[in-house]
PDB file of N, CA and C in Angstrom:
ATOM      1  N   MET A   1       2.109  -2.185 -13.201  1.00  0.00           N
ATOM      2  CA  MET A   1       1.775  -1.098 -12.031  1.00  0.00           C
ATOM      3  C   MET A   1       0.735  -1.434 -11.160  1.00  0.00           C
ATOM      4  N   LEU A   2      -0.565  -1.744 -11.842  1.00  0.00           N
ATOM      5  CA  LEU A   2      -1.733  -2.020 -10.878  1.00  0.00           C
ATOM      6  C   LEU A   2      -1.398  -3.291  -9.838  1.00  0.00           C
ATOM      7  N   ASN A   3      -0.609  -4.131 -10.510  1.00  0.00           N
ATOM      8  CA  ASN A   3      -0.536  -5.438  -9.742  1.00  0.00           C
ATOM      9  C   ASN A   3       0.156  -5.185  -8.679  1.00  0.00           C
ATOM     10  N   ILE A   4       0.994  -4.332  -8.631  1.00  0.00           N
ATOM     11  CA  ILE A   4       1.982  -3.839  -7.384  1.00  0.00           C
ATOM     12  C   ILE A   4       1.038  -3.419  -6.302  1.00  0.00           C
ATOM     13  N   ILE A   5       0.370  -2.116  -6.999  1.00  0.00           N
ATOM     14  CA  ILE A   5      -0.530  -1.580  -6.008  1.00  0.00           C
ATOM     15  C   ILE A   5      -1.678  -2.800  -5.300  1.00  0.00           C
ATOM     16  N   LYS A   6      -1.968  -3.455  -6.053  1.00  0.00           N
ATOM     17  CA  LYS A   6      -3.018  -4.531  -5.515  1.00  0.00           C
ATOM     18  C   LYS A   6      -2.197  -5.293  -4.364  1.00  0.00           C
ATOM     19  N   SER A   7      -0.882  -5.742  -4.816  1.00  0.00           N
ATOM     20  CA  SER A   7      -0.013  -6.480  -3.791  1.00  0.00           C
ATOM     21  C   SER A   7       0.279  -5.575  -2.493  1.00  0.00           C
ATOM     22  N   ILE A   8       0.590  -4.253  -2.677  1.00  0.00           N
ATOM     23  CA  ILE A   8       0.879  -3.484  -1.638  1.00  0.00           C
ATOM     24  C   ILE A   8      -0.487  -3.308  -0.543  1.00  0.00           C
ATOM     25  N   LEU A   9      -1.435  -2.984  -1.177  1.00  0.00           N
ATOM     26  CA  LEU A   9      -2.705  -3.009  -0.596  1.00  0.00           C
ATOM     27  C   LEU A   9      -3.137  -4.357   0.214  1.00  0.00           C
ATOM     28  N   SER A  10      -2.885  -5.348  -0.577  1.00  0.00           N
ATOM     29  CA  SER A  10      -3.007  -6.592   0.291  1.00  0.00           C
ATOM     30  C   SER A  10      -1.996  -6.940   1.371  1.00  0.00           C
ATOM     31  N   ALA A  11      -0.964  -6.668   1.228  1.00  0.00           N
ATOM     32  CA  ALA A  11       0.121  -6.521   2.071  1.00  0.00           C
ATOM     33  C   ALA A  11      -0.377  -5.717   3.390  1.00  0.00           C
ATOM     34  N   PHE A  12      -0.916  -4.448   3.112  1.00  0.00           N
ATOM     35  CA  PHE A  12      -1.238  -3.721   4.260  1.00  0.00           C
ATOM     36  C   PHE A  12      -2.411  -4.090   5.005  1.00  0.00           C
ATOM     37  N   PHE A  13      -3.432  -5.168   4.445  1.00  0.00           N
ATOM     38  CA  PHE A  13      -4.335  -5.628   5.232  1.00  0.00           C
ATOM     39  C   PHE A  13      -4.091  -6.825   5.520  1.00  0.00           C
ATOM     40  N   GLY A  14      -2.884  -7.633   5.285  1.00  0.00           N
ATOM     41  CA  GLY A  14      -2.659  -8.864   5.829  1.00  0.00           C
ATOM     42  C   GLY A  14      -3.267  -9.870   5.098  1.00  0.00           C
ATOM     43  N   VAL A  15      -3.866  -9.766   3.765  1.00  0.00           N
ATOM     44  CA  VAL A  15      -4.311 -11.055   3.124  1.00  0.00           C
ATOM     45  C   VAL A  15      -3.766 -10.867   1.583  1.00  0.00           C
ATOM     46  N   GLN A  16      -3.335 -12.080   1.530  1.00  0.00           N
ATOM     47  CA  GLN A  16      -2.802 -12.366   0.191  1.00  0.00           C
ATOM     48  C   GLN A  16      -2.567 -13.945  -0.042  1.00  0.00           C
ATOM     49  N   SER A  17      -2.882 -14.351  -1.279  1.00  0.00           N
ATOM     50  CA  SER A  17      -2.795 -15.569  -1.634  1.00  0.00           C
ATOM     51  C   SER A  17      -1.489 -16.131  -1.777  1.00  0.00           C
ATOM     52  N   ASN A  18      -0.921 -17.248  -1.695  1.00  0.00           N
ATOM     53  CA  ASN A  18       0.230 -17.865  -2.073  1.00  0.00           C
ATOM     54  C   ASN A  18       0.663 -17.851  -3.421  1.00  0.00           C
ATOM     55  N   ARG A  19      -0.121 -17.988  -4.355  1.00  0.00           N
ATOM     56  CA  ARG A  19       0.005 -17.752  -5.706  1.00  0.00           C
ATOM     57  C   ARG A  19       0.336 -16.305  -6.049  1.00  0.00           C
ATOM     58  N   LYS A  20      -0.277 -15.377  -5.690  1.00  0.00           N
ATOM     59  CA  LYS A  20       0.315 -14.082  -5.529  1.00  0.00           C
ATOM     60  C   LYS A  20       1.637 -13.755  -5.128  1.00  0.00           C
ATOM     61  N   LEU A  21       1.864 -14.172  -4.026  1.00  0.00           N
ATOM     62  CA  LEU A  21       2.943 -14.124  -3.317  1.00  0.00           C
ATOM     63  C   LEU A  21       4.204 -14.469  -4.154  1.00  0.00           C
ATOM     64  N   SER A  22       3.722 -15.820  -4.770  1.00  0.00           N
ATOM     65  CA  SER A  22       5.056 -16.336  -5.854  1.00  0.00           C
ATOM     66  C   SER A  22       5.185 -15.503  -6.995  1.00  0.00           C
ATOM     67  N   GLN A  23       4.071 -14.866  -7.200  1.00  0.00           N
ATOM     68  CA  GLN A  23       4.218 -13.957  -8.465  1.00  0.00           C
ATOM     69  C   GLN A  23       4.853 -12.686  -8.344  1.00  0.00           C
ATOM     70  N   ASP A  24       4.657 -12.149  -6.851  1.00  0.00           N
ATOM     71  CA  ASP A  24       5.661 -10.783  -6.461  1.00  0.00           C
ATOM     72  C   ASP A  24       6.836 -11.390  -6.410  1.00  0.00           C
ATOM     73  N   ASP A  25       7.275 -12.494  -5.850  1.00  0.00           N
ATOM     74  CA  ASP A  25       8.826 -13.083  -5.546  1.00  0.00           C
ATOM     75  C   ASP A  25       9.377 -13.006  -6.944  1.00  0.00           C
ATOM     76  N   ALA A  26       8.737 -13.473  -8.050  1.00  0.00           N
ATOM     77  CA  ALA A  26       9.316 -13.597  -9.311  1.00  0.00           C
ATOM     78  C   ALA A  26       9.445 -12.286  -9.886  1.00  0.00           C
ATOM     79  N   PHE A  27       8.589 -11.194  -9.611  1.00  0.00           N
ATOM     80  CA  PHE A  27       8.826  -9.802 -10.249  1.00  0.00           C
ATOM     81  C   PHE A  27       9.971  -9.344  -9.547  1.00  0.00           C
ATOM     82  N   VAL A  28      10.084  -9.255  -8.088  1.00  0.00           N
ATOM     83  CA  VAL A  28      11.285  -8.661  -7.563  1.00  0.00           C
ATOM     84  C   VAL A  28      12.519  -9.455  -7.899  1.00  0.00           C
ATOM     85  N   GLU A  29      12.686 -10.866  -8.045  1.00  0.00           N
ATOM     86  CA  GLU A  29      13.706 -11.426  -8.702  1.00  0.00           C
ATOM     87  C   GLU A  29      14.070 -10.922 -10.100  1.00  0.00           C
ATOM     88  N   LYS A  30      13.176 -10.401 -10.848  1.00  0.00           N
ATOM     89  CA  LYS A  30      13.578 -10.018 -12.192  1.00  0.00           C
ATOM     90  C   LYS A  30      13.806  -8.512 -12.230  1.00  0.00           C
ATOM     91  N   HIS A  31      12.978  -7.678 -11.446  1.00  0.00           N
ATOM     92  CA  HIS A  31      13.088  -6.296 -11.720  1.00  0.00           C
ATOM     93  C   HIS A  31      13.654  -5.334 -10.322  1.00  0.00           C
ATOM     94  N   GLY A  32      13.794  -6.246  -9.237  1.00  0.00           N
ATOM     95  CA  GLY A  32      14.443  -5.722  -8.274  1.00  0.00           C
ATOM     96  C   GLY A  32      13.078  -5.104  -7.116  1.00  0.00           C
ATOM     97  N   ILE A  33      13.463  -4.533  -6.022  1.00  0.00           N
ATOM     98  CA  ILE A  33      12.318  -4.297  -5.023  1.00  0.00           C
ATOM     99  C   ILE A  33      12.131  -2.845  -5.164  1.00  0.00           C
ATOM    100  N   LYS A  34      12.818  -2.043  -5.947  1.00  0.00           N
ATOM    101  CA  LYS A  34      12.666  -0.679  -5.898  1.00  0.00           C
ATOM    102  C   LYS A  34      11.026  -0.248  -6.189  1.00  0.00           C
ATOM    103  N   TYR A  35      10.623  -0.883  -7.122  1.00  0.00           N
ATOM    104  CA  TYR A  35       9.064  -0.546  -7.363  1.00  0.00           C
ATOM    105  C   TYR A  35       7.986  -0.633  -6.056  1.00  0.00           C
ATOM    106  N   PHE A  36       8.363  -1.865  -5.583  1.00  0.00           N
ATOM    107  CA  PHE A  36       7.547  -2.158  -4.282  1.00  0.00           C
ATOM    108  C   PHE A  36       7.620  -1.111  -3.173  1.00  0.00           C
ATOM    109  N   LEU A  37       9.130  -0.813  -2.962  1.00  0.00           N
ATOM    110  CA  LEU A  37       9.343   0.292  -1.766  1.00  0.00           C
ATOM    111  C   LEU A  37       8.784   1.704  -2.364  1.00  0.00           C
ATOM    112  N   ILE A  38       9.058   2.467  -3.443  1.00  0.00           N
ATOM    113  CA  ILE A  38       8.149   3.592  -3.875  1.00  0.00           C
ATOM    114  C   ILE A  38       6.874   3.306  -3.768  1.00  0.00           C
ATOM    115  N   ILE A  39       6.373   2.610  -4.217  1.00  0.00           N
ATOM    116  CA  ILE A  39       4.822   2.396  -4.286  1.00  0.00           C
ATOM    117  C   ILE A  39       4.352   2.293  -2.906  1.00  0.00           C
ATOM    118  N   GLY A  40       5.014   1.390  -2.008  1.00  0.00           N
ATOM    119  CA  GLY A  40       4.775   1.109  -0.486  1.00  0.00           C
ATOM    120  C   GLY A  40       4.716   2.653   0.248  1.00  0.00           C
ATOM    121  N   PHE A  41       5.754   3.123   0.094  1.00  0.00           N
ATOM    122  CA  PHE A  41       5.871   4.540   0.733  1.00  0.00           C
ATOM    123  C   PHE A  41       4.828   5.553   0.379  1.00  0.00           C
ATOM    124  N   LEU A  42       4.531   5.580  -1.021  1.00  0.00           N
ATOM    125  CA  LEU A  42       3.663   6.380  -1.492  1.00  0.00           C
ATOM    126  C   LEU A  42       2.301   6.081  -1.068  1.00  0.00           C
ATOM    127  N   VAL A  43       1.717   4.799  -0.984  1.00  0.00           N
ATOM    128  CA  VAL A  43       0.600   4.103  -0.291  1.00  0.00           C
ATOM    129  C   VAL A  43       0.464   4.586   1.153  1.00  0.00           C
ATOM    130  N   ALA A  44       1.678   4.476   2.042  1.00  0.00           N
ATOM    131  CA  ALA A  44       1.509   4.810   3.386  1.00  0.00           C
ATOM    132  C   ALA A  44       1.390   6.362   3.435  1.00  0.00           C
ATOM    133  N   ILE A  45       2.114   7.054   2.884  1.00  0.00           N
ATOM    134  CA  ILE A  45       1.979   8.616   3.151  1.00  0.00           C
ATOM    135  C   ILE A  45       0.609   8.867   2.724  1.00  0.00           C
ATOM    136  N   LEU A  46      -0.100   8.448   1.573  1.00  0.00           N
ATOM    137  CA  LEU A  46      -1.555   8.612   1.231  1.00  0.00           C
ATOM    138  C   LEU A  46      -2.358   8.076   2.487  1.00  0.00           C
ATOM    139  N   LEU A  47      -2.231   6.973   2.959  1.00  0.00           N
ATOM    140  CA  LEU A  47      -3.086   6.561   4.075  1.00  0.00           C
ATOM    141  C   LEU A  47      -2.977   7.579   5.160  1.00  0.00           C
ATOM    142  N   LEU A  48      -1.702   8.056   5.565  1.00  0.00           N
ATOM    143  CA  LEU A  48      -1.528   8.719   6.804  1.00  0.00           C
ATOM    144  C   LEU A  48      -2.246  10.158   6.695  1.00  0.00           C
ATOM    145  N   LEU A  49      -2.408  10.865   5.322  1.00  0.00           N
ATOM    146  CA  LEU A  49      -2.656  11.953   5.008  1.00  0.00           C
ATOM    147  C   LEU A  49      -4.288  12.029   4.901  1.00  0.00           C
ATOM    148  N   THR A  50      -4.595  10.805   4.390  1.00  0.00           N
ATOM    149  CA  THR A  50      -6.223  10.779   4.582  1.00  0.00           C
ATOM    150  C   THR A  50      -6.729  10.650   6.005  1.00  0.00           C
ATOM    151  N   LEU A  51      -5.965   9.909   6.669  1.00  0.00           N
ATOM    152  CA  LEU A  51      -6.375   9.652   8.212  1.00  0.00           C
ATOM    153  C   LEU A  51      -6.164  11.267   8.891  1.00  0.00           C
ATOM    154  N   ALA A  52      -5.165  11.883   8.471  1.00  0.00           N
ATOM    155  CA  ALA A  52      -5.045  13.220   9.186  1.00  0.00           C
ATOM    156  C   ALA A  52      -6.257  13.945   8.868  1.00  0.00           C
ATOM    157  N   ILE A  53      -6.597  14.218   7.627  1.00  0.00           N
ATOM    158  CA  ILE A  53      -7.663  14.886   7.195  1.00  0.00           C
ATOM    159  C   ILE A  53      -9.157  14.379   7.607  1.00  0.00           C
ATOM    160  N   LEU A  54      -9.245  13.099   7.739  1.00  0.00           N
ATOM    161  CA  LEU A  54     -10.535  12.474   8.449  1.00  0.00           C
ATOM    162  C   LEU A  54     -10.497  13.087   9.753  1.00  0.00           C
ATOM    163  N   VAL A  55      -9.539  12.869  10.726  1.00  0.00           N
ATOM    164  CA  VAL A  55      -9.611  13.393  11.987  1.00  0.00           C
ATOM    165  C   VAL A  55      -9.786  14.836  12.008  1.00  0.00           C
ATOM    166  N   ASN A  56      -9.194  15.733  11.387  1.00  0.00           N
ATOM    167  CA  ASN A  56      -9.224  17.293  11.345  1.00  0.00           C
ATOM    168  C   ASN A  56     -11.036  17.291  11.187  1.00  0.00           C
ATOM    169  N   VAL A  57     -11.476  16.757  10.125  1.00  0.00           N
ATOM    170  CA  VAL A  57     -12.927  17.000   9.654  1.00  0.00           C
ATOM    171  C   VAL A  57     -13.722  16.592  10.828  1.00  0.00           C
ATOM    172  N   ILE A  58     -13.422  15.416  11.501  1.00  0.00           N
ATOM    173  CA  ILE A  58     -14.124  15.334  12.518  1.00  0.00           C
ATOM    174  C   ILE A  58     -14.307  16.091  13.684  1.00  0.00           C
ATOM    175  N   LEU A  59     -13.080  16.206  14.239  1.00  0.00           N
ATOM    176  CA  LEU A  59     -12.639  17.178  15.272  1.00  0.00           C
ATOM    177  C   LEU A  59     -13.418  18.564  15.083  1.00  0.00           C
ATOM    178  N   ASN A  60     -13.303  19.211  13.660  1.00  0.00           N
ATOM    179  CA  ASN A  60     -14.012  20.377  13.523  1.00  0.00           C
ATOM    180  C   ASN A  60     -15.281  20.385  13.531  1.00  0.00           C
ATOM    181  N   HIS A  61     -15.962  19.174  13.129  1.00  0.00           N
ATOM    182  CA  HIS A  61     -17.411  19.207  13.176  1.00  0.00           C
ATOM    183  C   HIS A  61     -17.806  19.235  14.638  1.00  0.00           C
ATOM    184  N   ILE A  62     -17.116  18.367  15.530  1.00  0.00           N
ATOM    185  CA  ILE A  62     -17.504  18.399  16.783  1.00  0.00           C
ATOM    186  C   ILE A  62     -17.617  19.733  17.575  1.00  0.00           C
ATOM    187  N   LYS A  63     -16.770  20.647  17.447  1.00  0.00           N
ATOM    188  CA  LYS A  63     -16.759  22.105  17.672  1.00  0.00           C
ATOM    189  C   LYS A  63     -17.839  22.645  17.570  1.00  0.00           C
TER     190      LYS A  63
END
């Protein structure tokens, strides 16, 4: 599970080694893509919520 999260975060920032990409491909071949999709959506939602909260805090602080 931790390796999937690391891979997804690496994909968000666009940095990942070829070795890690091969490991991810092997995992997807064996278990399917559903784990990457579920965790990817959760990470994206978490990122959006964090940004929304940060913007609200900054805008409320300016007033």
